[in-house]
N, C-alpha and C. Protein backbone atom coordinates (compact mmCIF):
# COMPACT_ATOMS: atom_id res chain seq x y z
N MET A 1 0.98 -1.13 0.07
CA MET A 1 0.08 -0.05 -0.04
C MET A 1 0.87 1.30 -0.08
N SER A 2 0.59 2.10 -0.87
CA SER A 2 1.37 3.43 -1.06
C SER A 2 0.71 4.47 -0.37
N ARG A 3 1.50 5.11 0.69
CA ARG A 3 1.01 6.16 1.61
C ARG A 3 1.88 7.41 1.62
N THR A 4 1.12 8.47 1.88
CA THR A 4 1.88 9.72 1.91
C THR A 4 2.74 9.97 3.15
N LYS A 5 4.02 10.22 2.92
CA LYS A 5 5.05 10.22 4.07
C LYS A 5 5.39 11.69 4.26
N TYR A 6 5.39 12.00 5.59
CA TYR A 6 5.42 13.31 5.97
C TYR A 6 6.93 13.36 6.67
N THR A 7 8.07 14.08 6.20
CA THR A 7 9.18 14.25 6.51
C THR A 7 9.28 15.36 7.49
N TYR A 8 9.89 15.29 8.48
CA TYR A 8 10.48 16.58 9.54
C TYR A 8 11.66 16.48 9.76
N ASN A 9 12.23 17.66 9.67
CA ASN A 9 13.71 17.86 9.92
C ASN A 9 13.59 18.21 11.42
N ILE A 10 14.62 17.62 12.30
CA ILE A 10 14.83 18.20 13.67
C ILE A 10 15.72 19.35 13.81
N PRO A 11 15.15 20.41 14.39
CA PRO A 11 15.88 21.56 14.34
C PRO A 11 17.36 21.34 15.14
N ALA A 12 18.43 22.01 14.57
CA ALA A 12 19.67 21.89 15.10
C ALA A 12 19.95 22.43 16.42
N GLY A 13 18.87 23.40 16.70
CA GLY A 13 18.88 23.87 18.10
C GLY A 13 18.43 23.13 19.27
N ALA A 14 17.78 21.75 18.74
CA ALA A 14 17.47 20.77 19.71
C ALA A 14 18.59 20.04 20.46
N GLU A 15 19.62 20.04 19.65
CA GLU A 15 21.06 19.50 20.10
C GLU A 15 20.78 18.06 20.43
N VAL A 16 20.31 17.41 19.38
CA VAL A 16 20.09 15.83 19.42
C VAL A 16 20.81 15.33 18.21
N ALA A 17 21.17 14.02 18.06
CA ALA A 17 21.88 13.36 17.06
C ALA A 17 20.96 13.20 15.98
N THR A 18 19.56 12.80 16.21
CA THR A 18 18.66 12.54 15.08
C THR A 18 18.36 14.05 14.23
N THR A 19 18.57 13.73 12.88
CA THR A 19 18.14 14.69 12.08
C THR A 19 16.88 14.92 11.37
N SER A 20 16.22 13.79 11.14
CA SER A 20 14.88 13.75 10.55
C SER A 20 14.18 12.60 10.96
N VAL A 21 12.69 12.64 10.72
CA VAL A 21 11.76 11.50 11.17
C VAL A 21 10.81 11.64 10.02
N VAL A 22 10.29 10.32 9.82
CA VAL A 22 9.24 10.34 8.63
C VAL A 22 8.09 9.48 9.21
N LEU A 23 6.75 10.15 9.06
CA LEU A 23 5.70 9.68 9.68
C LEU A 23 4.53 9.27 8.64
N VAL A 24 3.53 8.45 8.80
CA VAL A 24 2.64 8.20 8.09
C VAL A 24 1.27 8.34 8.74
N GLU A 25 0.13 8.68 7.81
CA GLU A 25 -1.30 8.37 8.51
C GLU A 25 -1.48 6.99 8.93
N LEU A 26 -2.04 6.70 10.17
CA LEU A 26 -2.43 5.38 10.50
C LEU A 26 -3.71 4.87 9.84
N THR A 27 -3.74 3.57 9.49
CA THR A 27 -4.92 2.89 9.27
C THR A 27 -5.95 2.82 10.52
N ALA A 28 -7.09 2.54 10.28
CA ALA A 28 -7.98 2.11 11.34
C ALA A 28 -7.39 0.87 12.10
N GLU A 29 -6.96 -0.21 11.23
CA GLU A 29 -6.39 -1.37 11.75
C GLU A 29 -5.04 -1.04 12.61
N GLU A 30 -3.99 -0.06 12.22
CA GLU A 30 -3.12 0.34 12.92
C GLU A 30 -3.47 0.85 14.06
N GLU A 31 -4.36 1.70 14.28
CA GLU A 31 -4.95 2.54 15.57
C GLU A 31 -5.51 1.54 16.45
N MET A 32 -6.07 0.46 15.93
CA MET A 32 -6.63 -0.60 16.91
C MET A 32 -5.50 -1.37 17.42
N MET A 33 -4.60 -1.62 16.62
CA MET A 33 -3.29 -2.56 17.21
C MET A 33 -2.57 -1.66 18.28
N ALA A 34 -2.38 -0.40 18.07
CA ALA A 34 -1.90 0.48 19.01
C ALA A 34 -2.55 0.65 20.36
N THR A 35 -3.87 0.62 20.05
CA THR A 35 -4.81 0.74 21.26
C THR A 35 -4.73 -0.55 22.12
N LYS A 36 -4.64 -1.69 21.43
CA LYS A 36 -4.48 -3.06 22.11
C LYS A 36 -3.06 -2.98 22.92
N ARG A 37 -1.91 -2.58 22.23
CA ARG A 37 -0.73 -2.47 22.83
C ARG A 37 -0.78 -1.51 24.01
N ALA A 38 -1.59 -0.43 24.01
CA ALA A 38 -1.58 0.34 25.34
C ALA A 38 -2.21 -0.01 26.51
N ARG A 39 -3.01 -1.12 26.36
CA ARG A 39 -3.72 -1.91 27.60
C ARG A 39 -4.34 -0.77 28.47
N ASN A 40 -5.23 -0.11 27.96
CA ASN A 40 -6.05 0.91 28.68
C ASN A 40 -5.24 2.02 29.43
N ASP A 41 -4.09 2.38 29.04
CA ASP A 41 -3.31 3.33 29.59
C ASP A 41 -3.14 4.42 28.54
N PRO A 42 -3.93 5.57 29.03
CA PRO A 42 -3.99 6.66 28.03
C PRO A 42 -2.63 7.28 27.65
N ILE A 43 -1.66 7.34 28.70
CA ILE A 43 -0.50 7.83 28.37
C ILE A 43 0.23 6.84 27.36
N ARG A 44 0.38 5.72 27.51
CA ARG A 44 0.97 4.75 26.59
C ARG A 44 0.29 4.73 25.21
N LEU A 45 -1.11 5.03 25.23
CA LEU A 45 -1.66 4.88 23.83
C LEU A 45 -1.06 6.11 23.14
N ALA A 46 -0.93 7.28 23.77
CA ALA A 46 -0.29 8.39 22.85
C ALA A 46 1.03 8.04 22.21
N TYR A 47 1.70 7.41 23.04
CA TYR A 47 3.28 6.92 22.36
C TYR A 47 3.04 5.72 21.55
N GLU A 48 2.14 4.79 21.74
CA GLU A 48 1.86 3.78 20.74
C GLU A 48 1.45 4.24 19.51
N LEU A 49 0.43 5.13 19.36
CA LEU A 49 0.04 5.64 18.28
C LEU A 49 1.05 6.57 17.44
N ALA A 50 1.95 7.31 18.23
CA ALA A 50 2.85 8.07 17.47
C ALA A 50 4.05 7.11 16.95
N LYS A 51 4.46 6.11 17.74
CA LYS A 51 5.56 5.04 17.37
C LYS A 51 4.84 4.50 16.22
N CYS A 52 3.63 4.01 16.07
CA CYS A 52 3.16 3.25 15.03
C CYS A 52 3.17 4.12 13.76
N SER A 53 3.01 5.45 13.94
CA SER A 53 3.18 6.36 12.64
C SER A 53 4.57 6.48 12.14
N LEU A 54 5.48 6.39 12.92
CA LEU A 54 6.92 6.58 12.55
C LEU A 54 7.39 5.45 11.69
N VAL A 55 7.76 5.78 10.51
CA VAL A 55 8.31 4.92 9.43
C VAL A 55 9.61 5.15 9.07
N GLY A 56 10.24 6.24 9.20
CA GLY A 56 11.61 6.58 9.02
C GLY A 56 12.31 7.35 9.97
N LEU A 57 13.62 7.22 10.29
CA LEU A 57 14.49 7.82 11.21
C LEU A 57 15.96 7.99 10.54
N ASP A 58 16.33 9.22 10.07
CA ASP A 58 17.61 9.59 9.75
C ASP A 58 17.80 8.78 8.45
N GLY A 59 16.89 8.45 7.65
CA GLY A 59 16.96 7.95 6.15
C GLY A 59 16.73 6.42 6.38
N MET A 60 16.73 6.00 7.63
CA MET A 60 16.66 4.37 7.88
C MET A 60 15.03 4.03 7.92
N GLU A 61 14.50 3.12 7.50
CA GLU A 61 13.36 2.51 7.31
C GLU A 61 12.98 2.11 8.55
N MET A 62 11.75 2.33 9.38
CA MET A 62 11.39 1.67 10.56
C MET A 62 10.31 0.86 10.41
N LYS A 63 10.23 -0.52 10.94
CA LYS A 63 9.15 -1.37 10.85
C LYS A 63 8.92 -2.08 12.12
N SER A 64 7.75 -2.25 12.45
CA SER A 64 7.41 -2.91 13.57
C SER A 64 7.46 -4.47 13.53
N SER A 65 7.53 -5.00 12.17
CA SER A 65 7.36 -6.57 11.97
C SER A 65 8.89 -7.01 12.16
N ASP A 66 9.97 -6.23 12.13
CA ASP A 66 11.39 -6.77 12.21
C ASP A 66 11.88 -6.34 13.35
N GLY A 67 11.21 -5.62 14.32
CA GLY A 67 11.48 -4.98 15.60
C GLY A 67 12.35 -3.70 15.48
N SER A 68 12.80 -3.31 14.37
CA SER A 68 13.52 -1.95 14.33
C SER A 68 12.73 -0.91 14.93
N LEU A 69 11.46 -0.75 14.84
CA LEU A 69 10.86 0.33 15.16
C LEU A 69 10.95 0.38 16.91
N ASP A 70 10.66 -0.73 17.65
CA ASP A 70 10.70 -0.73 18.95
C ASP A 70 12.13 -0.45 19.52
N ARG A 71 13.10 -1.01 18.72
CA ARG A 71 14.59 -0.98 19.20
C ARG A 71 15.00 0.54 19.19
N GLU A 72 14.66 1.31 18.02
CA GLU A 72 14.97 2.63 17.97
C GLU A 72 14.17 3.61 18.75
N TRP A 73 12.87 3.27 19.03
CA TRP A 73 12.03 3.95 19.69
C TRP A 73 12.58 4.19 21.01
N ASP A 74 13.19 3.15 21.81
CA ASP A 74 13.63 3.22 23.01
C ASP A 74 14.95 3.97 23.13
N LYS A 75 15.80 4.10 21.88
CA LYS A 75 16.94 4.80 21.94
C LYS A 75 16.84 6.09 21.60
N ILE A 76 15.58 6.87 20.89
CA ILE A 76 15.56 8.21 20.64
C ILE A 76 15.38 9.00 21.79
N HIS A 77 16.08 10.17 21.64
CA HIS A 77 16.08 11.36 22.66
C HIS A 77 14.71 11.61 22.84
N PRO A 78 14.51 11.96 24.29
CA PRO A 78 13.16 12.30 24.58
C PRO A 78 12.69 13.55 23.83
N LYS A 79 13.45 14.31 23.47
CA LYS A 79 12.93 15.34 22.72
C LYS A 79 12.59 15.12 21.23
N VAL A 80 13.14 14.16 20.64
CA VAL A 80 12.84 13.64 19.46
C VAL A 80 11.47 12.86 19.57
N ARG A 81 11.27 12.26 20.65
CA ARG A 81 9.80 11.57 20.78
C ARG A 81 8.83 12.53 20.93
N SER A 82 9.20 13.51 21.58
CA SER A 82 8.08 14.74 21.66
C SER A 82 7.86 15.30 20.44
N PHE A 83 8.88 15.48 19.54
CA PHE A 83 8.47 15.84 18.15
C PHE A 83 7.79 15.04 17.44
N ILE A 84 8.13 13.78 17.56
CA ILE A 84 7.20 12.72 16.90
C ILE A 84 5.75 12.79 17.14
N MET A 85 5.46 13.00 18.59
CA MET A 85 4.35 13.02 19.09
C MET A 85 3.41 14.15 18.52
N GLN A 86 4.10 15.29 18.49
CA GLN A 86 3.55 16.67 18.07
C GLN A 86 3.27 16.45 16.57
N ALA A 87 4.19 15.85 15.92
CA ALA A 87 4.04 15.80 14.32
C ALA A 87 2.69 14.82 14.24
N PHE A 88 2.71 13.65 14.86
CA PHE A 88 1.49 12.72 14.88
C PHE A 88 0.14 13.53 14.84
N ASN A 89 0.19 14.46 16.04
CA ASN A 89 -1.12 15.14 16.28
C ASN A 89 -1.35 16.06 15.20
N GLN A 90 -0.20 16.70 14.69
CA GLN A 90 -0.40 17.61 13.42
C GLN A 90 -1.11 16.84 12.27
N ILE A 91 -0.69 15.51 11.85
CA ILE A 91 -1.19 15.00 10.84
C ILE A 91 -2.39 14.38 11.11
N HIS A 92 -2.81 13.79 12.36
CA HIS A 92 -3.93 13.05 12.49
C HIS A 92 -5.27 13.98 13.11
N ALA A 93 -5.11 15.13 13.68
CA ALA A 93 -6.13 15.91 14.23
C ALA A 93 -6.55 16.96 13.20
N PRO A 94 -7.77 17.08 13.11
CA PRO A 94 -8.43 18.13 12.28
C PRO A 94 -8.12 19.53 12.84
N ARG A 95 -8.07 20.49 11.97
CA ARG A 95 -7.93 21.95 12.52
C ARG A 95 -9.32 22.20 13.37
N GLU A 96 -9.06 23.13 14.42
CA GLU A 96 -10.36 23.60 15.21
C GLU A 96 -11.20 24.21 14.34
N GLU A 97 -11.03 24.85 13.25
CA GLU A 97 -12.13 25.58 12.51
C GLU A 97 -13.04 24.57 11.84
N ASP A 98 -12.34 23.43 11.42
CA ASP A 98 -12.93 22.24 10.87
C ASP A 98 -13.72 21.54 11.87
N VAL A 99 -13.45 21.21 13.13
CA VAL A 99 -14.22 20.63 14.03
C VAL A 99 -15.39 21.58 14.24
N SER A 100 -15.24 23.00 14.42
CA SER A 100 -16.35 23.78 14.65
C SER A 100 -17.38 23.82 13.48
N THR A 101 -16.86 23.64 12.21
CA THR A 101 -17.72 23.76 11.03
C THR A 101 -18.53 22.39 10.96
N PHE A 102 -17.76 21.32 11.22
CA PHE A 102 -18.46 19.88 11.35
C PHE A 102 -19.48 19.90 12.27
N LEU A 103 -19.29 20.35 13.73
CA LEU A 103 -20.26 20.34 14.65
C LEU A 103 -21.39 21.29 14.39
N ALA A 104 -21.14 22.42 13.88
CA ALA A 104 -22.34 23.35 13.23
C ALA A 104 -23.14 22.79 12.40
N SER A 105 -22.54 21.81 11.73
CA SER A 105 -23.48 21.29 10.44
C SER A 105 -24.58 20.13 10.95
N ARG A 106 -24.64 20.00 12.32
CA ARG A 106 -25.48 19.08 12.94
C ARG A 106 -27.06 19.26 12.44
N GLN A 107 -27.57 18.30 12.20
CA GLN A 107 -29.13 18.36 11.79
C GLN A 107 -29.76 17.33 12.67
N VAL A 108 -31.00 17.79 13.19
CA VAL A 108 -31.47 16.86 14.03
C VAL A 108 -33.04 16.44 13.46
N GLU A 109 -33.38 15.24 13.43
CA GLU A 109 -34.68 14.76 13.15
C GLU A 109 -35.21 14.38 14.14
N THR A 110 -36.71 14.44 14.35
CA THR A 110 -37.54 14.00 15.39
C THR A 110 -38.57 13.02 14.73
């Protein structure tokens, strides 16, 4: 399956070894797998969703199937994990004005 990849450059001012990360939008199945791995822990869910979205790190491909994703996630500097989580939210969350427009479109039938 071909998916859009979102590449983010880590700012030099962050003073970390990582230079770039690549994320993708998650499928519904991937979201469910991350939810199961979180085991009803909302903080862990945020990490699992962002981690599942990560497919590239400094030009290397990341995969959960070969264990590279879990190995590298544990090594990533906390600042980079925070950047990844913020990027995940930017990619997956609708803009506030779109949410407002969506909610204002409600129609009620009785």
